């Protein structure tokens, strides 16, 4: 059994930026030389998430719009009392979607659907530099 750790570095433009990291994830798998196994992608931090979507212009608008209904900008968040910032909604959205994703690998390729891309979603209210940890286990 082999374990390989890599990372993906991205710069986001701030709240609701959705970044396709599918190709970078595949690149890390190729670097690892793992043929069959699992890759876990994890974002350290509490205002970003990793998930899958069909990475197309409509869904890139629809997903943030739907999440705005769940954690709207214009309600009171107790988190603001702690740090005196304005990103309580960012933490709520990231908590709902979660910080990680695990995907199977077969023959050194990600197993995913034709229209299914892996994305990082920025929920923080300002641009950020993000480092996504990719850990692979397999043979």
Protein backbone atom coordinates (compact mmCIF):
# COMPACT_ATOMS: atom_id res chain seq x y z
CA UNK A 1 0.00 0.00 0.00
CA UNK A 2 1.34 3.40 -0.98
CA UNK A 3 0.44 6.84 0.40
CA UNK A 4 1.18 9.97 -1.61
CA UNK A 5 0.48 13.58 -0.63
CA UNK A 6 0.38 16.52 -3.01
CA UNK A 7 -1.32 19.88 -3.16
CA UNK A 8 -3.19 22.22 -5.47
CA UNK A 9 -2.63 25.96 -5.09
CA UNK A 10 -5.28 28.37 -6.34
CA UNK A 11 -6.13 32.05 -6.07
CA UNK A 12 -9.78 32.91 -5.74
CA UNK A 13 -11.61 36.12 -6.52
CA UNK A 14 -13.70 35.92 -3.35
CA UNK A 15 -17.21 34.91 -2.41
CA UNK A 16 -18.87 32.37 -4.74
CA UNK A 17 -15.82 31.85 -6.95
CA UNK A 18 -16.01 28.28 -8.25
CA UNK A 19 -12.72 26.82 -9.47
CA UNK A 20 -12.51 23.60 -11.51
CA UNK A 21 -9.69 21.48 -10.04
CA UNK A 22 -10.37 18.28 -11.99
CA UNK A 23 -7.30 18.47 -14.22
CA UNK A 24 -5.03 19.37 -11.30
CA UNK A 25 -6.41 16.41 -9.35
CA UNK A 26 -5.67 14.08 -12.27
CA UNK A 27 -2.15 15.52 -12.51
CA UNK A 28 -1.49 14.64 -8.86
CA UNK A 29 -2.72 11.09 -9.46
CA UNK A 30 -0.28 10.73 -12.36
CA UNK A 31 2.57 12.10 -10.21
CA UNK A 32 1.76 9.59 -7.48
CA UNK A 33 2.13 6.56 -9.77
CA UNK A 34 -0.81 4.97 -7.91
CA UNK A 35 -2.81 2.76 -10.27
CA UNK A 36 -5.82 1.84 -8.10
CA UNK A 37 -6.95 3.47 -4.88
CA UNK A 38 -8.59 6.58 -3.48
CA UNK A 39 -7.79 10.28 -3.51
CA UNK A 40 -9.01 12.53 -0.75
CA UNK A 41 -9.06 16.28 -1.40
CA UNK A 42 -9.19 18.50 1.69
CA UNK A 43 -9.25 22.26 2.18
CA UNK A 44 -7.74 23.49 5.45
CA UNK A 45 -9.93 26.38 6.51
CA UNK A 46 -13.56 26.92 7.36
CA UNK A 47 -14.83 29.16 4.53
CA UNK A 48 -14.28 26.97 1.48
CA UNK A 49 -15.63 23.66 0.21
CA UNK A 50 -14.84 20.91 -2.25
CA UNK A 51 -17.61 19.17 -4.18
CA UNK A 52 -18.60 18.08 -7.67
CA UNK A 53 -20.84 19.86 -10.17
CA UNK A 54 -21.34 20.06 -13.89
CA UNK A 55 -18.97 22.97 -14.42
CA UNK A 56 -21.03 25.10 -16.77
CA UNK A 57 -22.11 28.76 -16.65
CA UNK A 58 -25.69 28.12 -15.53
CA UNK A 59 -24.78 25.94 -12.54
CA UNK A 60 -21.99 28.32 -11.59
CA UNK A 61 -24.79 30.86 -11.04
CA UNK A 62 -27.45 28.45 -9.71
CA UNK A 63 -25.42 26.92 -6.87
CA UNK A 64 -24.48 30.23 -5.18
CA UNK A 65 -28.05 31.46 -5.64
CA UNK A 66 -29.45 28.34 -3.94
CA UNK A 67 -26.94 28.58 -1.07
CA UNK A 68 -27.84 32.26 -0.60
CA UNK A 69 -31.35 31.09 0.30
CA UNK A 70 -29.94 28.76 2.95
CA UNK A 71 -27.46 31.26 4.45
CA UNK A 72 -28.48 34.74 3.26
CA UNK A 73 -26.24 37.79 3.41
CA UNK A 74 -28.83 39.99 5.13
CA UNK A 75 -29.51 38.10 8.37
CA UNK A 76 -27.71 38.34 11.71
CA UNK A 77 -24.88 35.88 12.41
CA UNK A 78 -23.57 35.47 15.96
CA UNK A 79 -20.17 34.65 14.47
CA UNK A 80 -19.73 38.36 13.76
CA UNK A 81 -19.69 39.03 17.51
CA UNK A 82 -16.65 36.76 17.91
CA UNK A 83 -14.38 38.18 15.20
CA UNK A 84 -16.18 41.38 14.15
CA UNK A 85 -16.10 40.33 10.51
CA UNK A 86 -18.86 39.77 7.98
CA UNK A 87 -18.39 36.16 6.93
CA UNK A 88 -20.78 34.24 9.17
CA UNK A 89 -22.69 33.11 6.09
CA UNK A 90 -19.40 31.91 4.58
CA UNK A 91 -18.82 29.55 7.49
CA UNK A 92 -22.40 28.24 7.38
CA UNK A 93 -22.25 27.48 3.63
CA UNK A 94 -18.84 25.80 3.91
CA UNK A 95 -20.04 23.70 6.84
CA UNK A 96 -23.02 22.49 4.85
CA UNK A 97 -20.99 21.43 1.79
CA UNK A 98 -17.95 20.25 3.75
CA UNK A 99 -14.17 20.52 3.39
CA UNK A 100 -13.35 17.26 1.62
CA UNK A 101 -14.16 14.82 -1.14
CA UNK A 102 -12.98 11.25 -1.73
CA UNK A 103 -12.89 9.84 -5.27
CA UNK A 104 -11.89 6.37 -6.49
CA UNK A 105 -8.95 5.84 -8.83
CA UNK A 106 -8.75 3.03 -11.38
CA UNK A 107 -5.93 2.55 -13.90
CA UNK A 108 -4.39 5.86 -12.72
CA UNK A 109 -7.56 7.79 -13.67
CA UNK A 110 -10.23 9.52 -11.61
CA UNK A 111 -13.54 7.72 -11.70
CA UNK A 112 -16.13 10.41 -12.35
CA UNK A 113 -19.04 11.13 -14.66
CA UNK A 114 -18.68 12.74 -18.07
CA UNK A 115 -20.27 15.98 -16.87
CA UNK A 116 -18.96 15.76 -13.30
CA UNK A 117 -16.09 18.05 -12.41
CA UNK A 118 -14.34 18.52 -9.07
CA UNK A 119 -14.56 22.09 -7.82
CA UNK A 120 -13.39 24.28 -4.99
CA UNK A 121 -15.95 26.87 -3.90
CA UNK A 122 -14.79 30.01 -2.15
CA UNK A 123 -17.27 31.33 0.39
CA UNK A 124 -15.07 33.87 2.14
CA UNK A 125 -15.94 37.49 1.46
CA UNK A 126 -12.53 38.39 0.05
CA UNK A 127 -10.04 36.89 -2.44
CA UNK A 128 -7.87 34.16 -0.95
CA UNK A 129 -4.84 32.05 -1.74
CA UNK A 130 -5.84 28.45 -1.09
CA UNK A 131 -3.83 25.26 -0.76
CA UNK A 132 -5.86 22.10 -1.24
CA UNK A 133 -4.29 18.95 0.19
CA UNK A 134 -4.55 15.83 -1.96
CA UNK A 135 -3.76 12.51 -0.32
CA UNK A 136 -3.79 9.26 -2.26
CA UNK A 137 -3.81 5.76 -0.87
CA UNK A 138 -3.52 2.73 -3.12
CA UNK A 139 -1.26 0.53 -5.16
